[in-house]
């Protein structure tokens, strides 16, 4: 094996830097990306907080810039997209 320097993993990850490691970043829960600088799917905001359940008729407004609100499919409403729109 050869010892090479690890990439910067930011404040939300650590390098897999053992002799058997591959030098990749291992991200904290809710974080993703090669440098652990993006929210994983279904996580939102600057702290990559877990999204609420949006049911079968909605999707979370996720990513670093998302606000975690449920975006409902057409004809559906409510905080969990579980009500028919008026």
Protein backbone atom coordinates (compact mmCIF):
# COMPACT_ATOMS: atom_id res chain seq x y z
CA UNK A 1 0.00 0.00 0.00
CA UNK A 2 1.01 3.59 -0.48
CA UNK A 3 0.31 6.46 1.87
CA UNK A 4 -1.22 9.44 0.12
CA UNK A 5 -2.81 12.52 1.60
CA UNK A 6 -6.55 12.64 2.08
CA UNK A 7 -8.89 15.16 0.51
CA UNK A 8 -10.45 17.88 2.64
CA UNK A 9 -13.60 16.39 4.14
CA UNK A 10 -14.88 19.62 5.69
CA UNK A 11 -16.56 19.94 9.06
CA UNK A 12 -19.02 17.10 8.37
CA UNK A 13 -16.79 14.17 7.45
CA UNK A 14 -13.59 12.27 8.08
CA UNK A 15 -11.12 10.64 5.74
CA UNK A 16 -10.99 6.84 5.48
CA UNK A 17 -7.25 6.99 6.00
CA UNK A 18 -6.13 3.66 7.43
CA UNK A 19 -3.74 1.33 5.59
CA UNK A 20 -6.77 -0.51 4.25
CA UNK A 21 -8.73 2.72 3.64
CA UNK A 22 -9.42 4.16 0.22
CA UNK A 23 -8.86 7.85 1.02
CA UNK A 24 -12.50 8.79 0.51
CA UNK A 25 -14.49 10.99 2.86
CA UNK A 26 -16.91 9.24 5.20
CA UNK A 27 -19.69 11.76 5.83
CA UNK A 28 -21.64 12.39 9.02
CA UNK A 29 -25.33 11.43 8.99
CA UNK A 30 -27.40 13.67 6.71
CA UNK A 31 -24.34 14.84 4.72
CA UNK A 32 -23.06 13.66 1.34
CA UNK A 33 -20.74 14.58 -1.51
CA UNK A 34 -17.08 13.91 -2.09
CA UNK A 35 -16.21 16.62 0.47
CA UNK A 36 -19.26 16.10 2.73
CA UNK A 37 -20.54 19.56 1.82
CA UNK A 38 -24.04 18.70 0.54
CA UNK A 39 -27.19 17.39 2.19
CA UNK A 40 -28.13 13.78 1.55
CA UNK A 41 -31.53 13.21 -0.08
CA UNK A 42 -34.38 13.91 2.37
CA UNK A 43 -32.23 16.31 4.46
CA UNK A 44 -32.41 20.10 4.29
CA UNK A 45 -30.96 23.41 5.43
CA UNK A 46 -27.54 24.51 6.65
CA UNK A 47 -27.48 21.75 9.29
CA UNK A 48 -28.86 19.03 6.95
CA UNK A 49 -31.82 18.29 9.20
CA UNK A 50 -34.00 15.25 8.45
CA UNK A 51 -37.09 16.07 6.38
CA UNK A 52 -40.59 15.49 7.74
CA UNK A 53 -42.75 12.73 6.28
CA UNK A 54 -44.50 14.16 3.22
CA UNK A 55 -46.65 11.09 2.50
CA UNK A 56 -47.29 9.51 -0.85
CA UNK A 57 -48.41 12.80 -2.42
CA UNK A 58 -45.56 15.15 -1.65
CA UNK A 59 -41.81 15.66 -1.58
CA UNK A 60 -39.58 17.47 0.87
CA UNK A 61 -37.97 20.73 -0.20
CA UNK A 62 -34.52 19.33 0.60
CA UNK A 63 -30.88 20.38 -0.12
CA UNK A 64 -28.76 22.98 1.68
CA UNK A 65 -31.04 25.79 0.48
CA UNK A 66 -34.31 23.92 1.13
CA UNK A 67 -36.62 24.79 4.01
CA UNK A 68 -37.90 21.27 4.74
CA UNK A 69 -41.48 22.04 3.77
CA UNK A 70 -43.54 19.47 1.88
CA UNK A 71 -44.24 20.35 -1.75
CA UNK A 72 -47.54 18.67 -2.56
CA UNK A 73 -48.58 17.03 -5.81
CA UNK A 74 -51.45 18.66 -7.69
CA UNK A 75 -54.78 18.23 -5.91
CA UNK A 76 -53.15 17.65 -2.51
CA UNK A 77 -52.50 20.02 0.41
CA UNK A 78 -51.61 20.11 4.09
CA UNK A 79 -48.31 20.05 5.92
CA UNK A 80 -47.94 16.34 5.07
CA UNK A 81 -49.76 16.45 1.71
CA UNK A 82 -52.48 14.18 3.09
CA UNK A 83 -55.57 16.31 2.40
CA UNK A 84 -57.45 17.02 -0.82
CA UNK A 85 -57.09 20.58 -2.02
CA UNK A 86 -60.30 22.62 -1.86
